[in-house]
Protein backbone atom coordinates (compact mmCIF):
# COMPACT_ATOMS: atom_id res chain seq x y z
CA MET A 1 111.61 184.54 66.14
CA LEU A 2 109.96 183.57 69.51
CA THR A 3 110.41 186.31 71.93
CA VAL A 4 108.61 184.49 75.31
CA ASN A 5 110.40 182.32 77.20
CA TYR A 6 108.54 179.63 77.97
CA TYR A 7 110.03 177.70 80.64
CA ASN A 8 109.88 181.06 82.70
CA ASP A 9 106.83 181.04 81.80
CA PHE A 10 105.31 177.82 83.29
CA PHE A 11 107.62 177.62 86.05
CA GLU A 12 108.50 180.44 88.71
CA ILE A 13 112.36 179.95 88.95
CA GLY A 14 113.25 179.01 92.74
CA GLN A 15 109.71 177.63 93.39
CA GLN A 16 109.71 175.23 96.34
CA LYS A 17 105.98 174.35 96.67
CA ILE A 18 102.93 174.05 94.43
CA ASN A 19 99.91 175.74 95.05
CA PHE A 20 97.14 172.56 94.79
CA SER A 21 94.42 174.65 95.85
CA PHE A 22 92.64 174.99 92.67
CA TYR A 23 92.68 170.69 93.12
CA GLU A 24 91.76 168.38 95.84
CA LEU A 25 94.12 165.69 95.97
CA SER A 26 92.94 162.73 97.51
CA LEU A 27 93.18 158.70 97.79
CA PRO A 28 90.64 156.58 96.05
CA ASP A 29 88.08 154.54 99.05
CA ASP A 30 89.50 151.14 98.15
CA ASP A 31 93.57 152.24 98.46
CA PRO A 32 95.57 150.04 100.63
CA VAL A 33 97.49 152.11 102.65
CA TYR A 34 93.95 152.07 104.76
CA THR A 35 94.03 148.72 105.47
CA PRO A 36 96.99 148.72 107.80
CA LYS A 37 95.65 151.84 109.64
CA LYS A 38 92.41 149.56 110.15
CA VAL A 39 94.57 146.38 110.84
CA MET A 40 96.29 148.22 113.71
CA GLU A 41 93.64 150.04 115.46
CA ASP A 42 93.00 146.90 116.86
CA LEU A 43 96.64 145.49 117.86
CA ASP A 44 97.99 145.88 121.81
CA PHE A 45 101.95 147.84 120.53
CA SER A 46 102.34 147.72 124.72
CA GLY A 47 105.65 145.73 123.62
CA LEU A 48 106.73 147.31 121.08
CA LEU A 49 106.33 150.83 123.57
CA ALA A 50 108.08 149.55 126.21
CA ASN A 51 110.98 148.75 124.35
CA CYS A 52 111.17 153.08 123.46
CA SER A 53 112.31 155.34 126.14
CA ASP A 54 110.48 158.43 127.09
CA LYS A 55 114.00 160.16 127.87
CA GLY A 56 115.52 162.79 126.01
CA ARG A 57 114.37 163.88 122.58
CA THR A 58 110.78 163.09 121.61
CA GLY A 59 111.29 160.95 118.58
CA TYR A 60 108.72 159.78 116.20
CA ASN A 61 105.45 157.43 116.85
CA PRO A 62 107.06 154.26 117.15
CA ILE A 63 103.37 153.31 115.82
CA MET A 64 103.35 155.03 112.94
CA MET A 65 107.16 154.15 112.16
CA TYR A 66 105.94 150.63 111.90
CA ALA A 67 102.63 151.00 110.06
CA VAL A 68 105.23 152.99 107.25
CA ILE A 69 107.31 149.95 107.01
CA THR A 70 104.66 147.76 106.76
CA TYR A 71 102.88 149.79 104.30
CA ALA A 72 106.20 149.98 102.24
CA ASN A 73 106.57 146.11 102.15
CA MET A 74 103.07 145.47 100.64
CA ARG A 75 104.62 147.36 98.13
CA GLY A 76 107.12 144.94 98.00
CA ILE A 77 109.75 147.65 98.86
CA ARG A 78 112.85 147.15 101.64
CA SER A 79 114.78 149.64 101.10
CA ILE A 80 115.60 152.23 104.11
CA ASP A 81 116.64 154.99 101.62
CA ARG A 82 113.62 153.99 99.21
CA ILE A 83 110.61 154.40 101.84
CA VAL A 84 112.57 157.91 103.08
CA ASP A 85 112.18 158.83 99.71
CA LEU A 86 108.83 157.89 99.02
CA CYS A 87 108.29 159.69 102.80
CA GLU A 88 108.90 163.10 100.68
CA ARG A 89 107.09 162.23 97.39
CA ASP A 90 104.14 159.46 97.98
CA ILE A 91 100.90 161.02 98.69
CA ALA A 92 99.71 157.64 100.58
CA PHE A 93 103.25 157.74 102.70
CA ILE A 94 102.61 161.50 103.34
CA TRP A 95 99.13 160.68 104.64
CA LEU A 96 100.73 157.70 107.05
CA THR A 97 103.20 160.12 108.53
CA GLN A 98 100.81 162.95 108.65
CA GLY A 99 103.66 165.06 106.59
CA ARG A 100 106.58 164.23 109.01
CA LYS A 101 109.25 163.06 106.92
CA PRO A 102 111.83 160.34 109.26
CA LYS A 103 115.14 160.37 108.34
CA ARG A 104 116.93 156.89 107.10
CA ASP A 105 118.77 156.92 110.87
CA ALA A 106 115.25 156.97 112.39
CA PHE A 107 114.26 154.01 110.72
CA TYR A 108 117.90 151.71 111.09
CA GLU A 109 117.30 152.65 114.97
CA PHE A 110 114.09 151.78 114.95
CA LYS A 111 114.24 148.69 113.35
CA SER A 112 117.35 147.64 114.86
CA LYS A 113 116.95 148.48 119.05
CA LYS A 114 113.24 149.19 119.15
CA LEU A 115 111.61 146.00 116.99
CA THR A 116 113.09 142.66 118.10
CA SER A 117 111.94 139.80 116.40
CA ASP A 118 109.75 138.55 119.67
CA ILE A 119 107.63 142.01 118.80
CA LEU A 120 107.01 141.03 115.59
CA ASP A 121 106.15 137.65 116.08
CA ASP A 122 103.37 138.83 118.57
CA LEU A 123 102.07 141.19 116.30
CA ASN A 124 101.78 139.26 113.40
CA TYR A 125 99.78 136.82 115.84
CA GLN A 126 97.55 139.06 117.07
CA PHE A 127 96.55 139.46 113.41
CA MET A 128 96.16 135.83 113.18
CA ARG A 129 94.10 135.81 115.73
CA ARG A 130 91.43 138.59 114.35
CA LEU A 131 91.71 136.70 111.39
CA GLN A 132 90.15 133.45 113.04
CA LYS A 133 87.70 135.57 114.22
CA GLU A 134 87.01 136.92 111.03
CA GLY A 135 86.74 133.30 109.22
CA PHE A 136 89.57 133.34 107.19
CA VAL A 137 91.80 131.09 109.27
CA THR A 138 91.42 128.13 111.24
CA LEU A 139 94.70 127.90 112.72
CA LYS A 140 93.55 123.91 112.64
CA GLU A 141 95.96 123.34 109.47
CA LEU A 142 99.48 124.37 108.57
CA PHE A 143 100.93 124.09 104.77
CA ILE A 144 104.94 124.35 105.07
CA ASP A 145 107.94 124.77 102.56
CA GLY A 146 111.02 126.31 102.70
CA THR A 147 113.42 127.62 99.74
CA LYS A 148 117.00 129.46 100.13
CA ILE A 149 117.79 133.22 99.58
CA GLU A 150 120.70 134.58 99.23
CA ALA A 151 122.82 136.28 102.32
CA ASN A 152 123.54 139.30 102.04
CA ALA A 153 127.57 138.08 102.46
CA ASN A 154 130.90 138.01 100.14
CA ARG A 155 130.48 135.02 97.74
CA TYR A 156 134.14 134.17 97.75
CA THR A 157 134.60 134.27 101.30
CA PHE A 158 133.51 130.85 102.59
CA VAL A 159 135.34 128.71 105.05
CA TRP A 160 135.26 124.51 104.76
CA ARG A 161 135.21 122.18 107.14
CA GLY A 162 137.33 120.15 105.22
CA SER A 163 139.56 122.41 104.25
CA ILE A 164 139.99 123.39 107.97
CA ASN A 165 140.68 119.37 108.71
CA TYR A 166 143.56 119.37 105.62
CA HIS A 167 145.52 121.97 107.23
CA LEU A 168 144.71 121.24 110.71
CA ALA A 169 146.29 117.26 110.19
CA GLY A 170 149.17 119.17 108.14
CA LEU A 171 149.84 121.88 111.39
CA LEU A 172 149.56 118.42 113.55
CA ASP A 173 152.77 117.07 111.85
CA SER A 174 154.48 120.48 112.34
CA ILE A 175 153.90 120.75 115.30
CA ASP A 176 154.80 117.36 116.68
CA LYS A 177 158.41 117.74 114.99
CA LEU A 178 158.89 120.71 116.84
CA TYR A 179 158.23 119.19 119.82
CA SER A 180 160.73 116.68 118.90
CA ASP A 181 163.25 119.69 117.98
CA TYR A 182 162.21 121.32 121.81
CA ASN A 183 163.11 118.12 123.21
CA SER A 184 166.41 117.30 121.00
CA PHE A 185 167.40 121.16 122.04
CA LEU A 186 166.88 120.22 125.98
CA GLN A 187 168.98 117.20 125.85
CA ASP A 188 171.75 118.40 123.57
CA ASN A 189 172.42 121.72 125.50
CA GLY A 190 171.55 119.92 129.04
CA PHE A 191 169.09 122.36 130.03
CA GLY A 192 166.16 119.52 131.25
CA GLU A 193 168.48 118.84 134.25
CA LYS A 194 170.11 122.37 134.51
CA TYR A 195 166.48 123.94 134.73
CA GLU A 196 164.62 120.46 135.66
CA LEU A 197 162.58 120.25 132.57
CA GLY A 198 161.20 117.01 131.46
CA ASN A 199 160.42 115.42 127.90
CA ALA A 200 157.38 117.17 126.01
CA GLN A 201 154.95 114.64 125.27
CA MET A 202 152.98 115.83 122.52
CA PHE A 203 149.21 116.18 123.06
CA VAL A 204 146.76 113.87 121.05
CA ILE A 205 143.31 115.21 119.63
CA ASP A 206 140.37 112.86 119.11
CA GLY A 207 139.54 111.90 115.38
CA ILE A 208 142.46 113.68 113.21
CA ASP A 209 143.62 109.77 112.56
CA ARG A 210 140.38 109.57 110.36
CA VAL A 211 141.13 112.56 109.00
CA ARG A 212 144.69 111.65 107.60
CA ASP A 213 143.51 108.83 106.43
CA ILE A 214 140.67 110.27 104.11
CA ILE A 215 143.31 112.81 102.80
CA GLU A 216 145.67 109.87 102.11
CA LYS A 217 142.82 108.25 100.30
CA ASN A 218 141.91 111.33 98.53
CA ARG A 219 145.37 111.87 97.04
CA LYS A 220 145.16 108.32 95.70
CA ARG A 221 141.93 109.36 94.07
CA LYS A 222 143.03 112.30 92.36
CA ILE A 223 146.29 110.20 90.78
CA THR A 224 143.20 107.79 89.06
CA LYS A 225 140.95 110.85 88.69
CA HIS A 226 137.87 109.54 90.93
CA LYS A 227 135.61 111.94 92.82
CA LYS A 228 136.81 112.94 96.36
CA LEU A 229 135.99 111.69 99.60
CA SER A 230 134.22 113.99 102.30
CA ASN A 231 136.50 114.93 104.55
CA ASN A 232 133.76 116.86 107.36
CA ARG A 233 134.63 114.68 110.29
CA ILE A 234 134.07 116.88 113.43
CA ILE A 235 137.15 117.82 115.23
CA GLU A 236 136.92 119.24 118.57
CA ILE A 237 140.67 121.03 119.57
CA ASP A 238 139.93 121.26 123.57
CA ASN A 239 141.55 123.91 125.58
CA CYS A 240 144.15 122.41 126.56
CA SER A 241 146.26 121.81 123.27
CA PRO A 242 147.45 125.57 122.74
CA ILE A 243 148.37 125.79 126.66
CA GLU A 244 150.66 123.12 126.16
CA ILE A 245 152.43 125.27 124.12
CA LEU A 246 152.42 128.30 126.12
CA LYS A 247 153.97 126.12 128.80
CA LEU A 248 156.88 125.22 125.73
CA GLN A 249 157.31 128.84 124.96
CA LYS A 250 157.08 129.35 128.68
CA ASN A 251 159.99 127.11 129.18
CA LEU A 252 162.71 128.70 126.74
CA MET A 253 162.02 131.79 128.48
CA THR A 254 163.32 130.34 131.52
CA ILE A 255 165.91 129.22 129.73
CA ALA A 256 166.70 132.58 127.38
CA ASP A 257 166.69 134.42 130.96
CA GLY A 258 168.91 132.14 132.54
CA GLU A 259 171.34 132.02 129.79
CA GLY A 260 171.36 135.16 129.07
CA ILE A 261 170.12 134.63 125.53
CA VAL A 262 169.09 137.83 123.67
CA PHE A 263 166.25 138.27 120.92
CA VAL A 264 167.21 139.95 117.69
CA ASN A 265 165.41 141.03 115.07
CA GLY A 266 165.98 143.10 112.11
CA LYS A 267 168.28 142.34 108.53
CA GLY A 268 171.75 140.76 109.07
CA LYS A 269 171.07 139.36 112.49
CA ARG A 270 171.20 135.81 112.79
CA LYS A 271 168.43 134.66 115.25
CA PRO A 272 169.81 131.88 118.13
CA LYS A 273 168.22 128.61 117.92
CA LEU A 274 165.89 128.94 121.10
CA GLN A 275 164.62 132.28 119.81
CA GLN A 276 163.61 130.06 116.08
CA LEU A 277 162.20 127.32 118.16
CA TYR A 278 159.98 129.97 120.33
CA GLU A 279 158.84 132.19 117.49
CA GLU A 280 157.66 128.74 115.48
CA LEU A 281 155.48 127.58 118.62
CA GLU A 282 153.87 130.64 118.65
CA HIS A 283 153.17 130.41 114.77
CA CYS A 284 151.38 126.89 115.43
CA GLY A 285 149.64 128.20 118.37
CA GLN A 286 148.10 130.71 116.98
CA ARG A 287 147.34 128.98 113.82
CA LEU A 288 145.86 126.33 116.60
CA MET A 289 143.70 129.01 118.04
CA HIS A 290 142.18 130.07 114.79
CA TYR A 291 141.21 126.82 113.46
CA LYS A 292 139.61 126.61 116.80
CA GLU A 293 137.55 129.73 116.54
CA CYS A 294 136.29 128.63 113.00
CA PHE A 295 135.09 124.78 114.66
CA GLU A 296 133.28 127.01 117.39
CA ILE A 297 131.66 129.06 114.63
CA MET A 298 130.67 126.56 112.51
CA GLY A 299 129.52 124.12 115.58
CA LYS A 300 128.32 120.59 114.64
CA ASP A 301 125.84 121.65 112.58
CA ARG A 302 127.24 122.76 109.58
CA ASN A 303 130.37 122.55 107.47
CA SER A 304 130.43 125.78 106.44
CA TYR A 305 130.47 129.40 106.96
CA SER A 306 131.06 133.26 105.25
CA LYS A 307 133.41 135.98 107.04
CA THR A 308 131.36 138.53 105.83
CA ASP A 309 128.13 137.05 107.37
CA LEU A 310 129.26 134.46 110.39
CA GLU A 311 126.01 132.76 110.65
CA ALA A 312 125.13 132.37 106.90
CA THR A 313 125.85 128.86 105.34
CA PHE A 314 127.06 127.91 101.33
CA MET A 315 124.24 126.27 99.72
CA ARG A 316 123.45 125.19 96.40
CA MET A 317 121.44 127.78 94.69
CA LYS A 318 118.95 127.38 91.78
CA GLU A 319 119.84 130.91 90.50
CA ASP A 320 123.78 129.93 89.86
CA HIS A 321 125.75 132.92 88.42
CA MET A 322 128.87 130.77 87.73
CA LEU A 323 126.69 128.09 85.78
CA ASN A 324 128.92 125.19 87.25
CA GLY A 325 127.43 124.14 90.62
CA GLN A 326 128.96 127.08 92.67
CA LEU A 327 127.78 127.33 96.19
CA LYS A 328 126.68 130.86 97.88
CA PRO A 329 125.87 131.80 101.42
CA ALA A 330 122.30 131.99 101.71
CA TYR A 331 119.84 131.35 104.64
CA ASN A 332 116.82 128.51 104.56
CA VAL A 333 113.38 130.43 105.07
CA GLN A 334 110.56 128.64 105.92
CA ILE A 335 107.12 129.29 106.01
CA ALA A 336 103.76 127.71 107.22
CA VAL A 337 100.83 128.84 105.39
CA GLU A 338 97.04 129.00 106.08
CA ASN A 339 94.65 129.91 103.31
CA TYR A 340 97.49 132.36 101.75
CA PHE A 341 98.32 133.92 105.12
CA ILE A 342 101.85 133.31 106.34
CA VAL A 343 101.08 132.37 109.89
CA HIS A 344 104.46 131.55 110.81
CA SER A 345 108.00 131.89 109.40
CA TYR A 346 111.45 130.78 110.12
CA VAL A 347 114.92 131.53 109.43
CA SER A 348 117.36 128.55 109.43
CA ASN A 349 120.97 128.15 108.40
CA ASP A 350 120.48 124.34 107.68
CA ARG A 351 120.91 123.43 104.37
CA THR A 352 118.22 120.77 105.00
CA ASP A 353 114.96 120.76 106.17
CA TYR A 354 114.70 117.81 108.13
CA ASN A 355 115.70 120.26 111.72
CA THR A 356 113.09 122.99 110.62
CA LEU A 357 109.97 121.50 110.65
CA ILE A 358 109.40 120.59 114.80
CA PRO A 359 110.50 124.80 115.77
CA VAL A 360 107.67 125.74 112.96
CA LEU A 361 105.57 123.23 115.01
CA GLU A 362 106.45 124.27 118.39
CA LYS A 363 106.16 127.98 117.59
CA HIS A 364 102.50 127.53 116.55
CA LYS A 365 102.17 125.81 119.81
CA GLU A 366 103.45 128.32 121.84
CA ALA A 367 101.40 131.14 120.06
CA PHE A 368 98.10 129.21 119.85
CA GLY A 369 97.89 126.23 121.75
CA GLU A 370 97.29 122.65 120.69
CA VAL A 371 95.09 123.44 118.41
CA LEU A 372 96.85 122.31 115.25
CA GLU A 373 94.91 118.98 113.19
CA GLU A 374 97.11 118.50 110.32
CA VAL A 375 100.23 119.29 108.65
CA THR A 376 101.33 119.30 104.65
CA ALA A 377 104.40 119.52 103.30
CA ASP A 378 106.83 117.94 100.47
CA SER A 379 109.35 114.84 100.70
CA GLY A 380 112.20 117.34 102.56
CA TYR A 381 110.59 116.69 105.77
CA CYS A 382 110.07 113.40 105.97
CA SER A 383 112.49 111.88 108.81
CA GLU A 384 111.59 109.97 111.97
CA LYS A 385 112.15 112.39 114.15
CA ASN A 386 109.25 114.33 112.57
CA LEU A 387 106.81 111.65 112.15
CA LEU A 388 107.00 110.75 115.82
CA TYR A 389 106.63 114.14 116.96
CA LEU A 390 103.89 114.25 114.91
CA LYS A 391 102.01 111.17 116.43
CA GLU A 392 103.14 112.05 119.93
CA ASN A 393 101.28 115.46 119.55
CA LYS A 394 97.99 113.86 117.51
CA ILE A 395 98.47 115.88 114.05
CA ASP A 396 97.73 113.79 111.08
CA SER A 397 100.84 113.91 108.72
CA TYR A 398 100.11 114.67 105.18
CA ILE A 399 104.11 114.62 104.55
CA LYS A 400 105.12 113.09 101.15
CA LEU A 401 107.76 109.92 101.00
CA GLN A 402 110.84 110.25 99.34
CA ASP A 403 110.38 107.62 97.38
CA HIS A 404 106.56 108.45 96.70
CA GLU A 405 107.62 108.36 92.69
CA LYS A 406 109.57 105.31 93.08
CA ARG A 407 106.53 103.30 94.56
CA LYS A 408 104.20 103.79 91.62
CA THR A 409 107.32 101.76 89.12
CA ARG A 410 107.02 98.21 88.67
CA ALA A 411 111.11 97.99 90.14
CA TYR A 412 109.56 98.65 93.52
CA SER A 413 107.53 96.23 93.66
CA LYS A 414 109.35 93.46 92.12
CA ASP A 415 112.49 93.78 94.03
CA ILE A 416 113.03 90.50 96.02
CA GLY A 417 115.48 91.87 98.41
CA LYS A 418 113.03 94.01 99.94
CA TYR A 419 111.63 93.28 103.16
CA TYR A 420 108.03 94.75 101.94
CA ASN A 421 107.63 92.25 98.79
CA MET A 422 108.17 88.98 101.52
CA LYS A 423 105.91 86.78 103.24
CA THR A 424 105.78 87.24 107.10
CA MET A 425 104.68 84.67 109.14
CA VAL A 426 104.67 84.50 113.50
CA PHE A 427 106.80 81.42 114.93
CA GLU A 428 107.06 81.16 118.54
CA ASP A 429 105.66 84.71 118.66
CA GLU A 430 108.49 86.16 116.77
CA GLN A 431 108.48 87.43 113.42
CA VAL A 432 109.62 85.53 110.00
CA TYR A 433 110.71 86.47 107.07
CA ILE A 434 110.10 84.50 103.91
CA CYS A 435 112.45 85.42 101.04
CA HIS A 436 111.58 84.31 97.33
CA ASP A 437 113.42 81.58 97.69
CA GLY A 438 111.14 80.35 100.73
CA ARG A 439 113.95 80.41 103.33
CA GLU A 440 113.37 82.45 106.77
CA LEU A 441 114.93 85.15 107.86
CA ARG A 442 115.14 85.32 111.70
CA HIS A 443 115.59 87.89 113.99
CA ILE A 444 119.23 88.38 115.07
CA ASN A 445 119.53 91.43 117.19
CA THR A 446 118.88 94.90 117.96
CA GLU A 447 120.92 97.72 117.12
CA LYS A 448 121.08 101.58 118.04
CA LYS A 449 121.98 104.43 116.11
CA LYS A 450 121.93 108.29 117.10
CA GLN A 451 122.17 110.84 114.90
CA ASN A 452 121.76 114.65 115.68
CA GLY A 453 120.48 114.00 119.12
CA TYR A 454 117.91 111.10 117.95
CA THR A 455 118.50 107.20 118.48
CA GLN A 456 117.28 105.20 115.49
CA THR A 457 116.67 101.17 116.61
CA TYR A 458 116.89 98.61 113.81
CA GLU A 459 115.56 95.07 114.10
CA VAL A 460 118.71 92.62 112.22
CA TYR A 461 116.93 89.56 110.52
CA GLY A 462 119.01 87.03 108.93
CA CYS A 463 118.81 83.93 106.92
CA SER A 464 121.49 81.33 108.33
CA ASP A 465 122.13 79.68 105.07
CA CYS A 466 121.76 80.89 101.15
CA SER A 467 123.68 78.70 99.81
CA GLY A 468 122.25 77.01 96.58
CA CYS A 469 120.21 80.07 96.07
CA GLU A 470 119.55 80.70 92.71
CA HIS A 471 118.20 84.31 93.17
CA LYS A 472 121.30 85.88 95.26
CA SER A 473 122.14 88.27 92.42
CA LYS A 474 118.98 89.85 92.78
CA CYS A 475 118.40 89.89 96.47
CA LEU A 476 121.63 90.53 97.96
CA TYR A 477 122.81 94.13 98.02
CA LYS A 478 125.91 94.68 95.19
CA TYR A 479 126.31 91.03 94.86
CA ASN A 480 129.61 90.01 93.60
CA PRO A 481 129.81 86.18 92.48
CA ASP A 482 133.42 85.38 93.02
CA LYS A 483 133.59 87.34 96.65
CA ASP A 484 129.79 86.58 98.13
CA VAL A 485 129.59 83.36 97.59
CA ASP A 486 129.36 82.23 101.38
CA LYS A 487 127.82 85.95 101.68
CA ASN A 488 124.17 85.32 103.45
CA LYS A 489 121.67 87.61 103.26
CA VAL A 490 120.94 90.60 106.41
CA MET A 491 118.47 93.20 106.53
CA LYS A 492 117.81 96.15 108.89
CA ILE A 493 114.51 97.20 109.78
CA ASN A 494 113.41 100.25 111.40
CA GLU A 495 109.79 99.21 112.73
CA VAL A 496 108.87 102.21 113.91
CA TRP A 497 110.31 104.26 111.00
CA GLU A 498 108.51 102.01 108.34
CA GLU A 499 104.88 102.51 110.39
CA LEU A 500 105.46 106.37 110.25
CA ARG A 501 106.16 106.00 106.55
CA GLU A 502 102.87 103.72 105.98
CA LYS A 503 100.44 105.55 107.57
CA SER A 504 102.19 109.24 105.91
CA HIS A 505 101.77 107.61 102.60
CA ALA A 506 98.07 106.02 103.28
CA ASN A 507 96.90 109.99 104.30
CA ILE A 508 98.64 111.76 101.20
CA GLN A 509 97.30 108.93 98.63
CA SER A 510 93.73 109.46 100.04
CA GLU A 511 91.23 111.98 98.50
CA LYS A 512 91.74 114.39 101.05
CA GLY A 513 95.38 113.84 101.17
CA ILE A 514 95.41 114.79 97.25
CA LEU A 515 93.76 117.79 97.90
CA LYS A 516 95.69 118.79 100.56
CA ARG A 517 99.30 118.32 98.55
CA GLN A 518 97.73 120.20 95.74
CA THR A 519 96.63 123.47 98.15
CA ARG A 520 100.33 123.09 99.26
CA SER A 521 102.06 123.16 96.05
CA ILE A 522 99.82 126.78 95.18
CA GLN A 523 99.91 128.33 98.39
CA THR A 524 103.24 127.60 99.46
CA GLU A 525 105.30 127.79 96.58
CA GLY A 526 103.17 130.12 95.15
CA HIS A 527 104.12 132.39 97.47
CA PHE A 528 108.23 131.83 96.87
CA GLY A 529 107.66 132.23 93.53
CA ASP A 530 105.78 135.75 93.84
CA ILE A 531 107.78 136.56 96.33
CA LYS A 532 111.61 135.88 94.04
CA GLU A 533 110.31 136.46 90.42
CA ASN A 534 107.65 139.29 90.61
CA GLU A 535 108.96 140.97 93.74
CA ASP A 536 112.88 140.06 92.74
CA PHE A 537 113.28 139.38 96.77
CA ARG A 538 116.49 136.97 96.03
CA ARG A 539 119.01 138.56 98.61
CA PHE A 540 118.86 139.45 101.90
CA ASN A 541 119.81 143.65 102.70
CA TYR A 542 121.17 142.98 106.59
CA ARG A 543 123.48 140.38 107.70
CA SER A 544 122.71 137.56 111.27
CA SER A 545 120.00 135.41 110.98
CA ASP A 546 118.46 137.66 113.56
CA LYS A 547 118.17 140.66 111.37
CA VAL A 548 117.59 138.44 108.51
CA TYR A 549 114.53 136.97 109.96
CA LYS A 550 113.55 140.78 110.84
CA GLU A 551 113.44 141.52 107.31
CA PHE A 552 111.67 138.31 105.99
CA MET A 553 108.94 138.56 108.94
CA LEU A 554 108.31 142.18 107.97
CA PHE A 555 108.03 141.56 104.17
CA ALA A 556 105.77 138.57 105.34
CA ILE A 557 103.17 140.90 107.49
CA GLY A 558 103.36 143.11 104.52
CA ARG A 559 102.21 140.39 102.42
CA ASN A 560 99.53 139.27 104.67
CA ILE A 561 98.13 142.52 104.98
CA ASN A 562 97.99 142.63 101.06
CA LYS A 563 96.23 139.62 100.99
CA TYR A 564 93.58 140.43 103.59
CA HIS A 565 93.12 144.13 101.42
CA ARG A 566 92.35 141.92 98.69
CA PHE A 567 90.10 139.34 100.32
CA LEU A 568 87.59 142.36 102.10
CA TYR A 569 87.23 143.82 98.85
CA ALA A 570 86.44 140.33 97.12
CA LYS A 571 89.79 140.23 94.54
CA LEU A 572 90.68 137.50 96.29
CA LYS A 573 88.65 134.03 97.10
CA LYS A 574 89.55 131.35 99.46
CA PHE A 575 91.17 128.17 97.74
CA GLU A 576 89.05 125.25 97.77
CA GLY A 577 90.76 123.04 95.32
CA LYS A 578 90.50 121.64 91.81
CA PRO A 579 86.58 120.41 91.07
CA GLN A 580 87.17 116.45 91.08
CA GLU A 581 86.24 114.85 87.54
CA LYS A 582 82.83 112.65 88.15
CA THR A 583 82.95 109.20 87.02
CA ALA A 584 80.56 107.26 85.32
């Protein structure tokens, strides 16, 4: 029988520290923890230090706090609690903090109050200039892409514009009835003449008739089991609408004071007609103010938001937890990459990428001047506004068109109804299109269309007589032989847009454009694949666009320094593209 207590022999009871004097504990010379310190030695932290007060108790060194958070993001660690734990247990973190142990409150205060978005951008741009001097980046070309990352918001706290429009239409009907009841109440009791009160006129909200029309159409579509129409029309509730209701309530209180009518509450007490009318008006006014607040939160650029993160928009995600196309609150995250380094990041609550390109390029222009020469992106960024911006700033566009794959098909080149498959001629200094049947389509007029603050110009061409043409069914859009017998061919052409499209398409079809598209897919999509799959960054930890941006920017800076470390130790080489096959 063993009589020796092996546990007590090996562990000292109540032991708090372990004596490592018998063994020298150190980090390897190429450990990544040395790289952020090497990078930060050349950075100017005056912006960060200006945000730190020298009054009161001396806190932790802000440069040390930034180094710890950056190194944590290099290792894919974003949780503050996890960082605090590692500052006590991990030798690399202990080396960075010099044995100090910052607590979670110190990190939260540093990230929320001292480390602003502008300071983060400035520190990243200083690092980019260092990379430019060392030859890792040129800052003359950018590869741009975006992805959707779930917001830190409850999934079922959605507010939809279409739903508010539906309930607003019903509310306005109720208010209209209350106005009628109010006028009848004054007229039946003679209060209008006695207190010099005229008939109340229901206020008008522009666009609500269109909303009611769509509601009625959707009711019919529900019976026939057709897909519902979108009811996302932007309705503006001006400030006078709730005020008009308050005026009626004030008039009712004047009558109550003059007639000695007392408001009652409680079980068994019957409310007078005036009190019932007053409370119904108050309830409707509160609902109207609530809808007005919802419209103000959404603005004019989006159709939904989450109650737990007002700046998050519901978007269709690839990771569908319900497996039925469920929408989730998310942010649209953009990155601009060169040679694996994230030069810029941008966080938007826009569901599409159309409106995110120009803000990214403006950031590049503000940070580095007019050095940008080439931009490569996918078809999600292809719009007239974006391509025109690139042309005006003398930046070559390598943006894929939406119909890039369709252009390769035979149906595209054989579609006789499209202008690009028609012959053209100039007659009396005017361009004329010749259709497949040999008839002329002359210029009719010019139309302008304003969309998202940008005005598009369309030139309208039409044929004066298409009667007897045997190609009508293929030439006219949705041709119905019973209804469209007398219909003539009319087509609208945005000549500026078409010119920009053809230029961008020619660029991406060139040998250089093919290589750039290949590089973009590897570098930008490779970043997102690594972030989501390997680092499991699928959901933000913070709420509001500013905090979300800082969280992602810290993660991007950590990745940049990681890439720099791998370049320094020859673990990563600059991507030169796949070797082209030699033709005989």
